Amino acid sequence: MFDLDGTLLDTLQDLADSMNAVLSRLGLPTHPPDSYRYFVGSGREHLVAAALPKNRRNPETITECVTAMDREYGKRWAQNSKPYPGIPALLSGIDTLGVTKAVLSNKSDEFVCAMVKKLLGQWSFAVIRGAKPNVPLKPDPAAALGIADDLGIAADKWLYLGDSDIDMQTANSAGMYAAGALWGFRTANELASAGSKVLVQTPLEVLELLNKPAE
């Protein structure tokens, strides 16, 4: 089971450009792309609130900016975003092994499905799921456990690969094997502190984990 942003796809520039366009239109300070490494991951409301100045983080402004961010992101999510180096080989290798693949993201479900189809359409995923109304966001394990249940695969049989503390917390809460992707948005210290069972430097190292005999 994969996270999307910072794990399968490098989406940072398009996210930054989209939110910065919203901020510029309001006459507010923008942020360098690297700042968005810590704004993303907890859903679009959190991203918007983190990007806004503290004195503008009221519910009305956040709601307005979420709508504007969706509009801006809809224009440009495919301009710079692409799979990380090694991800195509990892996905093909997983297919060779016959292992089930799924995607679970806190990004809006509409964008998750569109991005996987366009940027990762060469590979099939048993489930592709983003944020939906009335379903708790990660790190709540409900969505991850729902995918496992839908596919009839016990939670402890899943490796969950992600790049943030939220992903590691999700995996551990769901009883899945938490693997931290070091090529993503966050640091090794964050992933380790959040309970990663293993840190992987490159996507192909994940294949080595999948090929290990069960202990």
N, C-alpha and C. Protein backbone atom coordinates (compact mmCIF):
# COMPACT_ATOMS: atom_id res chain seq x y z
N MET A 1 0.85 -1.18 0.00
CA MET A 1 0.00 0.00 0.00
C MET A 1 0.89 1.24 0.00
N PHE A 2 0.62 2.13 -0.93
CA PHE A 2 1.47 3.31 -1.12
C PHE A 2 0.75 4.59 -0.73
N ASP A 3 1.48 5.51 -0.10
CA ASP A 3 1.11 6.91 -0.12
C ASP A 3 1.38 7.40 -1.54
N LEU A 4 0.89 8.60 -1.87
CA LEU A 4 1.07 9.12 -3.23
C LEU A 4 2.12 10.22 -3.29
N ASP A 5 1.79 11.38 -2.73
CA ASP A 5 2.70 12.54 -2.79
C ASP A 5 3.94 12.28 -1.93
N GLY A 6 5.11 12.40 -2.53
CA GLY A 6 6.34 12.18 -1.79
C GLY A 6 6.74 10.73 -1.70
N THR A 7 5.93 9.84 -2.26
CA THR A 7 6.24 8.41 -2.22
C THR A 7 6.28 7.83 -3.64
N LEU A 8 5.16 7.87 -4.32
CA LEU A 8 5.14 7.45 -5.73
C LEU A 8 5.47 8.61 -6.66
N LEU A 9 4.91 9.78 -6.35
CA LEU A 9 5.03 10.93 -7.24
C LEU A 9 5.70 12.11 -6.55
N ASP A 10 6.57 12.79 -7.27
CA ASP A 10 7.14 14.06 -6.82
C ASP A 10 6.21 15.16 -7.30
N THR A 11 5.38 15.66 -6.40
CA THR A 11 4.33 16.62 -6.74
C THR A 11 4.59 18.01 -6.16
N LEU A 12 5.75 18.20 -5.54
CA LEU A 12 5.98 19.38 -4.72
C LEU A 12 5.83 20.69 -5.48
N GLN A 13 6.42 20.78 -6.68
CA GLN A 13 6.42 22.04 -7.42
C GLN A 13 5.00 22.45 -7.81
N ASP A 14 4.20 21.50 -8.27
CA ASP A 14 2.84 21.84 -8.69
C ASP A 14 1.97 22.24 -7.50
N LEU A 15 2.17 21.58 -6.36
CA LEU A 15 1.44 21.96 -5.16
C LEU A 15 1.82 23.37 -4.73
N ALA A 16 3.13 23.64 -4.71
CA ALA A 16 3.60 24.97 -4.31
C ALA A 16 3.11 26.04 -5.26
N ASP A 17 3.21 25.80 -6.54
CA ASP A 17 2.77 26.79 -7.53
C ASP A 17 1.28 27.09 -7.39
N SER A 18 0.50 26.06 -7.12
CA SER A 18 -0.96 26.24 -7.02
C SER A 18 -1.33 27.06 -5.80
N MET A 19 -0.78 26.70 -4.64
CA MET A 19 -1.11 27.45 -3.42
C MET A 19 -0.53 28.85 -3.46
N ASN A 20 0.66 28.99 -4.01
CA ASN A 20 1.25 30.33 -4.11
C ASN A 20 0.42 31.24 -5.02
N ALA A 21 -0.19 30.67 -6.04
CA ALA A 21 -1.07 31.47 -6.90
C ALA A 21 -2.26 32.00 -6.12
N VAL A 22 -2.80 31.15 -5.23
CA VAL A 22 -3.92 31.58 -4.38
C VAL A 22 -3.47 32.70 -3.45
N LEU A 23 -2.33 32.52 -2.83
CA LEU A 23 -1.82 33.53 -1.89
C LEU A 23 -1.54 34.85 -2.60
N SER A 24 -0.92 34.78 -3.77
CA SER A 24 -0.60 35.99 -4.53
C SER A 24 -1.86 36.77 -4.87
N ARG A 25 -2.92 36.06 -5.25
CA ARG A 25 -4.16 36.73 -5.62
C ARG A 25 -4.75 37.49 -4.44
N LEU A 26 -4.49 36.99 -3.22
CA LEU A 26 -5.00 37.64 -2.02
C LEU A 26 -4.02 38.68 -1.47
N GLY A 27 -2.89 38.86 -2.15
CA GLY A 27 -1.90 39.81 -1.68
C GLY A 27 -1.15 39.33 -0.45
N LEU A 28 -1.06 38.01 -0.27
CA LEU A 28 -0.41 37.43 0.89
C LEU A 28 0.96 36.87 0.53
N PRO A 29 1.85 36.72 1.51
CA PRO A 29 3.19 36.18 1.23
C PRO A 29 3.12 34.75 0.69
N THR A 30 3.99 34.45 -0.25
CA THR A 30 4.10 33.09 -0.78
C THR A 30 5.26 32.37 -0.09
N HIS A 31 5.45 31.10 -0.44
CA HIS A 31 6.46 30.28 0.22
C HIS A 31 7.32 29.56 -0.82
N PRO A 32 8.59 29.31 -0.51
CA PRO A 32 9.41 28.50 -1.42
C PRO A 32 8.89 27.06 -1.45
N PRO A 33 9.11 26.36 -2.55
CA PRO A 33 8.59 24.98 -2.65
C PRO A 33 8.97 24.09 -1.49
N ASP A 34 10.19 24.22 -0.97
CA ASP A 34 10.61 23.34 0.13
C ASP A 34 9.72 23.47 1.36
N SER A 35 9.13 24.64 1.57
CA SER A 35 8.23 24.81 2.72
C SER A 35 7.03 23.88 2.62
N TYR A 36 6.63 23.58 1.40
CA TYR A 36 5.44 22.75 1.22
C TYR A 36 5.69 21.29 1.58
N ARG A 37 6.94 20.91 1.78
CA ARG A 37 7.22 19.56 2.27
C ARG A 37 6.50 19.29 3.59
N TYR A 38 6.34 20.35 4.38
CA TYR A 38 5.72 20.21 5.69
C TYR A 38 4.28 20.70 5.72
N PHE A 39 3.82 21.31 4.65
CA PHE A 39 2.42 21.73 4.58
C PHE A 39 1.53 20.59 4.10
N VAL A 40 2.07 19.72 3.26
CA VAL A 40 1.25 18.66 2.66
C VAL A 40 1.27 17.41 3.52
N GLY A 41 0.29 16.55 3.28
CA GLY A 41 0.27 15.26 3.95
C GLY A 41 -0.93 15.03 4.85
N SER A 42 -1.51 16.13 5.37
CA SER A 42 -2.63 16.00 6.30
C SER A 42 -3.95 16.45 5.69
N GLY A 43 -4.00 16.57 4.37
CA GLY A 43 -5.21 17.00 3.71
C GLY A 43 -5.15 18.46 3.29
N ARG A 44 -6.05 18.85 2.40
CA ARG A 44 -5.96 20.17 1.78
C ARG A 44 -6.27 21.30 2.76
N GLU A 45 -7.17 21.05 3.74
CA GLU A 45 -7.47 22.10 4.72
C GLU A 45 -6.22 22.44 5.52
N HIS A 46 -5.47 21.41 5.91
CA HIS A 46 -4.23 21.64 6.66
C HIS A 46 -3.21 22.37 5.80
N LEU A 47 -3.07 21.97 4.54
CA LEU A 47 -2.14 22.65 3.64
C LEU A 47 -2.47 24.14 3.55
N VAL A 48 -3.74 24.44 3.32
CA VAL A 48 -4.15 25.83 3.18
C VAL A 48 -3.90 26.60 4.47
N ALA A 49 -4.27 26.02 5.60
CA ALA A 49 -4.09 26.71 6.87
C ALA A 49 -2.61 26.96 7.15
N ALA A 50 -1.76 25.98 6.84
CA ALA A 50 -0.33 26.13 7.08
C ALA A 50 0.28 27.21 6.20
N ALA A 51 -0.24 27.37 4.99
CA ALA A 51 0.31 28.34 4.06
C ALA A 51 -0.17 29.77 4.36
N LEU A 52 -1.33 29.89 4.97
CA LEU A 52 -1.86 31.22 5.28
C LEU A 52 -1.12 31.84 6.47
N PRO A 53 -1.02 33.17 6.50
CA PRO A 53 -0.50 33.83 7.71
C PRO A 53 -1.39 33.50 8.91
N LYS A 54 -0.81 33.46 10.09
CA LYS A 54 -1.57 33.06 11.28
C LYS A 54 -2.81 33.89 11.49
N ASN A 55 -2.73 35.18 11.15
CA ASN A 55 -3.89 36.05 11.40
C ASN A 55 -4.99 35.90 10.35
N ARG A 56 -4.79 35.02 9.36
CA ARG A 56 -5.81 34.79 8.33
C ARG A 56 -6.36 33.36 8.38
N ARG A 57 -6.03 32.62 9.42
CA ARG A 57 -6.45 31.22 9.49
C ARG A 57 -7.83 31.06 10.14
N ASN A 58 -8.78 31.81 9.65
CA ASN A 58 -10.16 31.68 10.13
C ASN A 58 -10.93 30.74 9.20
N PRO A 59 -12.00 30.15 9.69
CA PRO A 59 -12.73 29.16 8.88
C PRO A 59 -13.18 29.68 7.52
N GLU A 60 -13.62 30.93 7.45
CA GLU A 60 -14.12 31.46 6.18
C GLU A 60 -13.00 31.56 5.15
N THR A 61 -11.82 32.07 5.57
CA THR A 61 -10.70 32.21 4.64
C THR A 61 -10.18 30.85 4.22
N ILE A 62 -10.10 29.91 5.16
CA ILE A 62 -9.63 28.57 4.82
C ILE A 62 -10.55 27.92 3.80
N THR A 63 -11.86 28.02 4.01
CA THR A 63 -12.82 27.44 3.06
C THR A 63 -12.68 28.07 1.68
N GLU A 64 -12.57 29.40 1.66
CA GLU A 64 -12.41 30.11 0.39
C GLU A 64 -11.15 29.67 -0.33
N CYS A 65 -10.07 29.52 0.42
CA CYS A 65 -8.78 29.17 -0.19
C CYS A 65 -8.70 27.71 -0.60
N VAL A 66 -9.41 26.83 0.10
CA VAL A 66 -9.47 25.43 -0.33
C VAL A 66 -10.12 25.34 -1.70
N THR A 67 -11.22 26.06 -1.89
CA THR A 67 -11.89 26.08 -3.20
C THR A 67 -10.96 26.64 -4.27
N ALA A 68 -10.27 27.73 -3.94
CA ALA A 68 -9.35 28.34 -4.91
C ALA A 68 -8.16 27.43 -5.20
N MET A 69 -7.67 26.75 -4.17
CA MET A 69 -6.55 25.83 -4.35
C MET A 69 -6.95 24.67 -5.27
N ASP A 70 -8.13 24.13 -5.06
CA ASP A 70 -8.61 23.05 -5.94
C ASP A 70 -8.66 23.51 -7.40
N ARG A 71 -9.11 24.73 -7.59
CA ARG A 71 -9.21 25.26 -8.95
C ARG A 71 -7.82 25.43 -9.56
N GLU A 72 -6.90 26.00 -8.81
CA GLU A 72 -5.54 26.20 -9.32
C GLU A 72 -4.84 24.87 -9.56
N TYR A 73 -4.99 23.94 -8.63
CA TYR A 73 -4.32 22.65 -8.76
C TYR A 73 -4.88 21.87 -9.94
N GLY A 74 -6.18 22.04 -10.17
CA GLY A 74 -6.79 21.39 -11.33
C GLY A 74 -6.20 21.83 -12.65
N LYS A 75 -5.62 23.03 -12.68
CA LYS A 75 -5.01 23.55 -13.91
C LYS A 75 -3.60 23.01 -14.12
N ARG A 76 -2.91 22.64 -13.04
CA ARG A 76 -1.47 22.44 -13.18
C ARG A 76 -0.90 21.20 -12.51
N TRP A 77 -1.74 20.26 -12.05
CA TRP A 77 -1.18 19.14 -11.30
C TRP A 77 -0.28 18.24 -12.14
N ALA A 78 -0.38 18.32 -13.46
CA ALA A 78 0.45 17.48 -14.32
C ALA A 78 1.60 18.24 -14.98
N GLN A 79 1.81 19.50 -14.61
CA GLN A 79 2.85 20.28 -15.27
C GLN A 79 4.25 19.79 -14.93
N ASN A 80 4.50 19.52 -13.66
CA ASN A 80 5.83 19.10 -13.22
C ASN A 80 5.84 17.76 -12.50
N SER A 81 4.70 17.31 -12.04
CA SER A 81 4.64 16.09 -11.24
C SER A 81 4.98 14.87 -12.07
N LYS A 82 5.70 13.95 -11.45
CA LYS A 82 6.14 12.74 -12.16
C LYS A 82 6.56 11.69 -11.14
N PRO A 83 6.64 10.44 -11.57
CA PRO A 83 7.13 9.39 -10.67
C PRO A 83 8.57 9.65 -10.27
N TYR A 84 8.91 9.32 -9.05
CA TYR A 84 10.30 9.40 -8.63
C TYR A 84 11.14 8.37 -9.40
N PRO A 85 12.43 8.65 -9.60
CA PRO A 85 13.31 7.65 -10.22
C PRO A 85 13.24 6.33 -9.44
N GLY A 86 13.10 5.25 -10.17
CA GLY A 86 13.03 3.94 -9.54
C GLY A 86 11.62 3.45 -9.29
N ILE A 87 10.64 4.35 -9.28
CA ILE A 87 9.26 3.92 -9.03
C ILE A 87 8.73 3.05 -10.16
N PRO A 88 8.94 3.40 -11.43
CA PRO A 88 8.47 2.50 -12.50
C PRO A 88 9.03 1.09 -12.37
N ALA A 89 10.33 0.99 -12.07
CA ALA A 89 10.93 -0.35 -11.92
C ALA A 89 10.36 -1.07 -10.71
N LEU A 90 10.09 -0.34 -9.63
CA LEU A 90 9.50 -0.95 -8.44
C LEU A 90 8.12 -1.51 -8.77
N LEU A 91 7.28 -0.72 -9.42
CA LEU A 91 5.92 -1.17 -9.72
C LEU A 91 5.92 -2.37 -10.66
N SER A 92 6.80 -2.33 -11.65
CA SER A 92 6.90 -3.48 -12.56
C SER A 92 7.40 -4.72 -11.83
N GLY A 93 8.34 -4.51 -10.91
CA GLY A 93 8.84 -5.64 -10.13
C GLY A 93 7.78 -6.24 -9.23
N ILE A 94 6.95 -5.39 -8.65
CA ILE A 94 5.85 -5.89 -7.81
C ILE A 94 4.87 -6.70 -8.66
N ASP A 95 4.60 -6.22 -9.87
CA ASP A 95 3.71 -6.96 -10.75
C ASP A 95 4.30 -8.34 -11.08
N THR A 96 5.60 -8.39 -11.29
CA THR A 96 6.25 -9.67 -11.57
C THR A 96 6.09 -10.64 -10.40
N LEU A 97 6.13 -10.10 -9.19
CA LEU A 97 5.97 -10.93 -8.00
C LEU A 97 4.51 -11.35 -7.78
N GLY A 98 3.60 -10.67 -8.45
CA GLY A 98 2.19 -10.97 -8.26
C GLY A 98 1.62 -10.43 -6.97
N VAL A 99 2.22 -9.37 -6.45
CA VAL A 99 1.79 -8.78 -5.18
C VAL A 99 0.72 -7.71 -5.44
N THR A 100 -0.30 -7.69 -4.62
CA THR A 100 -1.38 -6.71 -4.75
C THR A 100 -0.88 -5.31 -4.41
N LYS A 101 -1.31 -4.31 -5.19
CA LYS A 101 -0.91 -2.92 -4.97
C LYS A 101 -2.14 -2.05 -4.73
N ALA A 102 -2.00 -1.09 -3.81
CA ALA A 102 -3.06 -0.13 -3.55
C ALA A 102 -2.44 1.23 -3.25
N VAL A 103 -3.22 2.28 -3.43
CA VAL A 103 -2.79 3.65 -3.12
C VAL A 103 -3.77 4.24 -2.12
N LEU A 104 -3.22 4.87 -1.07
CA LEU A 104 -4.04 5.57 -0.08
C LEU A 104 -3.41 6.92 0.23
N SER A 105 -4.14 7.98 -0.05
CA SER A 105 -3.62 9.33 0.10
C SER A 105 -4.62 10.21 0.83
N ASN A 106 -4.12 11.25 1.50
CA ASN A 106 -4.99 12.28 2.08
C ASN A 106 -5.35 13.38 1.09
N LYS A 107 -4.84 13.28 -0.13
CA LYS A 107 -5.23 14.20 -1.19
C LYS A 107 -6.65 13.87 -1.62
N SER A 108 -7.36 14.86 -2.14
CA SER A 108 -8.72 14.65 -2.62
C SER A 108 -8.80 13.45 -3.55
N ASP A 109 -9.82 12.62 -3.35
CA ASP A 109 -9.96 11.39 -4.13
C ASP A 109 -9.99 11.66 -5.63
N GLU A 110 -10.62 12.76 -6.02
CA GLU A 110 -10.70 13.11 -7.44
C GLU A 110 -9.31 13.28 -8.05
N PHE A 111 -8.45 14.00 -7.35
CA PHE A 111 -7.09 14.22 -7.85
C PHE A 111 -6.27 12.93 -7.80
N VAL A 112 -6.41 12.16 -6.73
CA VAL A 112 -5.64 10.91 -6.61
C VAL A 112 -5.93 9.99 -7.79
N CYS A 113 -7.20 9.80 -8.08
CA CYS A 113 -7.57 8.89 -9.17
C CYS A 113 -7.08 9.41 -10.52
N ALA A 114 -7.23 10.72 -10.75
CA ALA A 114 -6.79 11.30 -12.02
C ALA A 114 -5.28 11.21 -12.18
N MET A 115 -4.54 11.46 -11.11
CA MET A 115 -3.08 11.47 -11.19
C MET A 115 -2.52 10.07 -11.38
N VAL A 116 -3.08 9.10 -10.67
CA VAL A 116 -2.61 7.72 -10.84
C VAL A 116 -2.89 7.25 -12.27
N LYS A 117 -4.07 7.60 -12.77
CA LYS A 117 -4.42 7.19 -14.14
C LYS A 117 -3.47 7.78 -15.17
N LYS A 118 -3.15 9.07 -15.02
CA LYS A 118 -2.33 9.74 -16.03
C LYS A 118 -0.84 9.46 -15.85
N LEU A 119 -0.36 9.50 -14.62
CA LEU A 119 1.08 9.43 -14.38
C LEU A 119 1.58 8.03 -14.04
N LEU A 120 0.65 7.15 -13.65
CA LEU A 120 1.03 5.77 -13.30
C LEU A 120 0.10 4.77 -13.98
N GLY A 121 -0.45 5.18 -15.11
CA GLY A 121 -1.45 4.36 -15.78
C GLY A 121 -0.94 3.07 -16.39
N GLN A 122 0.37 2.93 -16.46
CA GLN A 122 0.95 1.70 -17.02
C GLN A 122 0.77 0.52 -16.08
N TRP A 123 0.50 0.80 -14.80
CA TRP A 123 0.38 -0.26 -13.80
C TRP A 123 -1.03 -0.26 -13.23
N SER A 124 -1.48 -1.43 -12.83
CA SER A 124 -2.82 -1.54 -12.25
C SER A 124 -2.71 -1.60 -10.73
N PHE A 125 -3.66 -0.95 -10.08
CA PHE A 125 -3.75 -0.97 -8.62
C PHE A 125 -5.11 -1.53 -8.25
N ALA A 126 -5.13 -2.40 -7.26
CA ALA A 126 -6.39 -3.02 -6.86
C ALA A 126 -7.36 -1.99 -6.30
N VAL A 127 -6.82 -1.01 -5.57
CA VAL A 127 -7.62 0.08 -5.01
C VAL A 127 -6.82 1.37 -5.13
N ILE A 128 -7.48 2.45 -5.51
CA ILE A 128 -6.89 3.79 -5.53
C ILE A 128 -7.84 4.67 -4.73
N ARG A 129 -7.37 5.19 -3.59
CA ARG A 129 -8.28 5.90 -2.71
C ARG A 129 -7.65 7.17 -2.15
N GLY A 130 -8.39 8.27 -2.29
CA GLY A 130 -8.00 9.52 -1.67
C GLY A 130 -9.01 9.94 -0.63
N ALA A 131 -8.91 11.18 -0.20
CA ALA A 131 -9.81 11.68 0.85
C ALA A 131 -11.24 11.75 0.34
N LYS A 132 -12.16 11.24 1.16
CA LYS A 132 -13.59 11.26 0.83
C LYS A 132 -14.37 11.77 2.03
N PRO A 133 -15.53 12.37 1.78
CA PRO A 133 -16.35 12.83 2.90
C PRO A 133 -16.70 11.67 3.83
N ASN A 134 -16.71 11.98 5.12
CA ASN A 134 -17.13 11.03 6.16
C ASN A 134 -16.18 9.86 6.36
N VAL A 135 -14.98 9.95 5.76
CA VAL A 135 -13.95 8.94 6.03
C VAL A 135 -12.77 9.67 6.67
N PRO A 136 -12.35 9.26 7.87
CA PRO A 136 -11.26 9.97 8.54
C PRO A 136 -9.98 9.95 7.71
N LEU A 137 -9.24 11.05 7.76
CA LEU A 137 -7.94 11.12 7.10
C LEU A 137 -6.91 10.32 7.88
N LYS A 138 -5.86 9.90 7.19
CA LYS A 138 -4.70 9.37 7.90
C LYS A 138 -4.20 10.44 8.87
N PRO A 139 -3.71 10.10 10.05
CA PRO A 139 -3.25 8.77 10.49
C PRO A 139 -4.32 7.85 11.06
N ASP A 140 -5.58 8.25 11.05
CA ASP A 140 -6.62 7.30 11.42
C ASP A 140 -6.49 6.08 10.50
N PRO A 141 -6.49 4.87 11.04
CA PRO A 141 -6.26 3.68 10.21
C PRO A 141 -7.48 3.18 9.46
N ALA A 142 -8.63 3.87 9.61
CA ALA A 142 -9.87 3.33 9.06
C ALA A 142 -9.79 3.07 7.56
N ALA A 143 -9.26 4.03 6.81
CA ALA A 143 -9.22 3.86 5.35
C ALA A 143 -8.27 2.72 4.95
N ALA A 144 -7.12 2.64 5.62
CA ALA A 144 -6.17 1.56 5.32
C ALA A 144 -6.79 0.20 5.64
N LEU A 145 -7.45 0.12 6.77
CA LEU A 145 -8.08 -1.15 7.15
C LEU A 145 -9.25 -1.46 6.22
N GLY A 146 -9.93 -0.42 5.74
CA GLY A 146 -11.02 -0.63 4.79
C GLY A 146 -10.53 -1.24 3.49
N ILE A 147 -9.38 -0.76 3.01
CA ILE A 147 -8.80 -1.33 1.79
C ILE A 147 -8.42 -2.79 2.02
N ALA A 148 -7.77 -3.06 3.13
CA ALA A 148 -7.38 -4.44 3.44
C ALA A 148 -8.60 -5.35 3.49
N ASP A 149 -9.66 -4.87 4.13
CA ASP A 149 -10.88 -5.66 4.24
C ASP A 149 -11.54 -5.87 2.89
N ASP A 150 -11.60 -4.79 2.09
CA ASP A 150 -12.20 -4.91 0.75
C ASP A 150 -11.50 -5.96 -0.10
N LEU A 151 -10.18 -6.05 0.05
CA LEU A 151 -9.41 -6.97 -0.78
C LEU A 151 -9.22 -8.34 -0.11
N GLY A 152 -9.71 -8.48 1.11
CA GLY A 152 -9.61 -9.77 1.79
C GLY A 152 -8.19 -10.16 2.14
N ILE A 153 -7.36 -9.17 2.42
CA ILE A 153 -5.96 -9.42 2.79
C ILE A 153 -5.75 -8.87 4.19
N ALA A 154 -5.35 -9.72 5.12
CA ALA A 154 -5.19 -9.31 6.52
C ALA A 154 -4.22 -8.14 6.63
N ALA A 155 -4.48 -7.26 7.58
CA ALA A 155 -3.67 -6.05 7.73
C ALA A 155 -2.19 -6.37 7.94
N ASP A 156 -1.90 -7.42 8.68
CA ASP A 156 -0.49 -7.73 8.97
C ASP A 156 0.26 -8.32 7.78
N LYS A 157 -0.43 -8.50 6.67
CA LYS A 157 0.22 -8.97 5.44
C LYS A 157 0.63 -7.81 4.53
N TRP A 158 0.30 -6.58 4.93
CA TRP A 158 0.57 -5.42 4.09
C TRP A 158 1.87 -4.72 4.48
N LEU A 159 2.63 -4.30 3.49
CA LEU A 159 3.70 -3.33 3.67
C LEU A 159 3.13 -1.98 3.27
N TYR A 160 3.24 -1.00 4.16
CA TYR A 160 2.76 0.34 3.85
C TYR A 160 3.97 1.25 3.65
N LEU A 161 4.10 1.81 2.45
CA LEU A 161 5.24 2.66 2.10
C LEU A 161 4.79 4.12 2.05
N GLY A 162 5.43 4.96 2.86
CA GLY A 162 5.11 6.37 2.87
C GLY A 162 6.31 7.20 3.26
N ASP A 163 6.16 8.52 3.18
CA ASP A 163 7.30 9.40 3.40
C ASP A 163 7.14 10.34 4.58
N SER A 164 6.10 10.15 5.41
CA SER A 164 5.87 11.09 6.50
C SER A 164 5.53 10.37 7.79
N ASP A 165 5.55 11.14 8.89
CA ASP A 165 5.15 10.60 10.18
C ASP A 165 3.70 10.11 10.13
N ILE A 166 2.86 10.82 9.38
CA ILE A 166 1.46 10.42 9.26
C ILE A 166 1.34 9.02 8.67
N ASP A 167 2.15 8.72 7.66
CA ASP A 167 2.11 7.40 7.04
C ASP A 167 2.58 6.31 7.99
N MET A 168 3.64 6.60 8.75
CA MET A 168 4.15 5.59 9.69
C MET A 168 3.13 5.34 10.80
N GLN A 169 2.49 6.41 11.28
CA GLN A 169 1.46 6.26 12.31
C GLN A 169 0.27 5.47 11.78
N THR A 170 -0.10 5.74 10.53
CA THR A 170 -1.20 5.01 9.90
C THR A 170 -0.89 3.52 9.83
N ALA A 171 0.30 3.22 9.34
CA ALA A 171 0.69 1.81 9.19
C ALA A 171 0.69 1.09 10.53
N ASN A 172 1.28 1.71 11.53
CA ASN A 172 1.36 1.06 12.84
C ASN A 172 -0.01 0.91 13.47
N SER A 173 -0.85 1.93 13.35
CA SER A 173 -2.20 1.84 13.92
C SER A 173 -3.03 0.75 13.25
N ALA A 174 -2.76 0.54 11.95
CA ALA A 174 -3.49 -0.48 11.21
C ALA A 174 -2.90 -1.88 11.37
N GLY A 175 -1.74 -1.98 12.01
CA GLY A 175 -1.07 -3.27 12.14
C GLY A 175 -0.34 -3.69 10.90
N MET A 176 0.04 -2.71 10.06
CA MET A 176 0.79 -2.99 8.83
C MET A 176 2.28 -2.74 9.05
N TYR A 177 3.09 -3.18 8.12
CA TYR A 177 4.54 -3.01 8.21
C TYR A 177 4.90 -1.63 7.66
N ALA A 178 5.42 -0.78 8.52
CA ALA A 178 5.67 0.62 8.17
C ALA A 178 7.05 0.79 7.56
N ALA A 179 7.09 1.16 6.28
CA ALA A 179 8.36 1.39 5.57
C ALA A 179 8.45 2.86 5.18
N GLY A 180 9.55 3.50 5.57
CA GLY A 180 9.73 4.93 5.30
C GLY A 180 10.54 5.19 4.06
N ALA A 181 10.00 6.00 3.16
CA ALA A 181 10.66 6.34 1.90
C ALA A 181 11.53 7.58 2.09
N LEU A 182 12.83 7.42 1.99
CA LEU A 182 13.76 8.53 2.25
C LEU A 182 13.90 9.48 1.07
N TRP A 183 13.33 9.15 -0.08
CA TRP A 183 13.42 10.05 -1.25
C TRP A 183 12.28 11.08 -1.23
N GLY A 184 11.40 11.02 -0.26
CA GLY A 184 10.21 11.86 -0.27
C GLY A 184 10.39 13.21 0.40
N PHE A 185 9.31 13.69 1.03
CA PHE A 185 9.26 15.06 1.52
C PHE A 185 9.86 15.25 2.91
N ARG A 186 9.97 14.18 3.70
CA ARG A 186 10.34 14.33 5.10
C ARG A 186 11.69 13.66 5.40
N THR A 187 12.10 13.73 6.67
CA THR A 187 13.44 13.28 7.05
C THR A 187 13.44 11.87 7.66
N ALA A 188 14.63 11.28 7.69
CA ALA A 188 14.79 9.97 8.31
C ALA A 188 14.42 10.03 9.79
N ASN A 189 14.81 11.10 10.47
CA ASN A 189 14.50 11.23 11.89
C ASN A 189 13.00 11.24 12.15
N GLU A 190 12.27 11.96 11.30
CA GLU A 190 10.81 12.00 11.46
C GLU A 190 10.21 10.62 11.27
N LEU A 191 10.64 9.92 10.24
CA LEU A 191 10.09 8.60 9.96
C LEU A 191 10.42 7.61 11.07
N ALA A 192 11.65 7.65 11.55
CA ALA A 192 12.06 6.73 12.61
C ALA A 192 11.31 7.03 13.91
N SER A 193 11.19 8.31 14.23
CA SER A 193 10.49 8.70 15.46
C SER A 193 9.02 8.32 15.42
N ALA A 194 8.46 8.26 14.22
CA ALA A 194 7.04 7.93 14.06
C ALA A 194 6.80 6.43 13.98
N GLY A 195 7.86 5.63 14.08
CA GLY A 195 7.66 4.19 14.17
C GLY A 195 7.92 3.39 12.93
N SER A 196 8.72 3.92 12.00
CA SER A 196 9.03 3.11 10.81
C SER A 196 9.77 1.84 11.23
N LYS A 197 9.43 0.74 10.58
CA LYS A 197 10.12 -0.52 10.84
C LYS A 197 11.40 -0.63 10.03
N VAL A 198 11.42 0.10 8.91
CA VAL A 198 12.59 0.10 8.04
C VAL A 198 12.59 1.41 7.25
N LEU A 199 13.78 1.91 6.93
CA LEU A 199 13.93 3.08 6.07
C LEU A 199 14.58 2.62 4.78
N VAL A 200 14.01 3.02 3.66
CA VAL A 200 14.54 2.59 2.36
C VAL A 200 15.06 3.81 1.60
N GLN A 201 16.27 3.69 1.09
CA GLN A 201 16.91 4.79 0.37
C GLN A 201 16.39 4.91 -1.05
N THR A 202 16.08 3.79 -1.68
CA THR A 202 15.65 3.77 -3.07
C THR A 202 14.43 2.86 -3.23
N PRO A 203 13.59 3.11 -4.23
CA PRO A 203 12.42 2.27 -4.43
C PRO A 203 12.74 0.78 -4.60
N LEU A 204 13.83 0.49 -5.27
CA LEU A 204 14.12 -0.93 -5.52
C LEU A 204 14.44 -1.70 -4.25
N GLU A 205 14.79 -1.00 -3.18
CA GLU A 205 15.00 -1.68 -1.90
C GLU A 205 13.70 -2.29 -1.38
N VAL A 206 12.58 -1.73 -1.81
CA VAL A 206 11.29 -2.28 -1.39
C VAL A 206 11.12 -3.69 -1.96
N LEU A 207 11.60 -3.90 -3.19
CA LEU A 207 11.51 -5.24 -3.77
C LEU A 207 12.30 -6.25 -2.94
N GLU A 208 13.42 -5.83 -2.41
CA GLU A 208 14.21 -6.72 -1.55
C GLU A 208 13.41 -7.12 -0.32
N LEU A 209 12.66 -6.16 0.24
CA LEU A 209 11.83 -6.48 1.42
C LEU A 209 10.74 -7.49 1.04
N LEU A 210 10.13 -7.29 -0.12
CA LEU A 210 9.06 -8.18 -0.54
C LEU A 210 9.56 -9.58 -0.87
N ASN A 211 10.83 -9.66 -1.26
CA ASN A 211 11.42 -10.96 -1.61
C ASN A 211 11.95 -11.72 -0.41
N LYS A 212 11.99 -11.04 0.77
CA LYS A 212 12.52 -11.71 1.96
C LYS A 212 11.55 -12.81 2.40
N PRO A 213 12.10 -13.96 2.80
CA PRO A 213 11.21 -14.99 3.34
C PRO A 213 10.56 -14.52 4.63
N ALA A 214 9.34 -14.94 4.86
CA ALA A 214 8.64 -14.56 6.09
C ALA A 214 9.36 -15.10 7.31
N GLU A 215 9.43 -14.26 8.35
CA GLU A 215 10.11 -14.69 9.59
C GLU A 215 9.12 -15.35 10.52
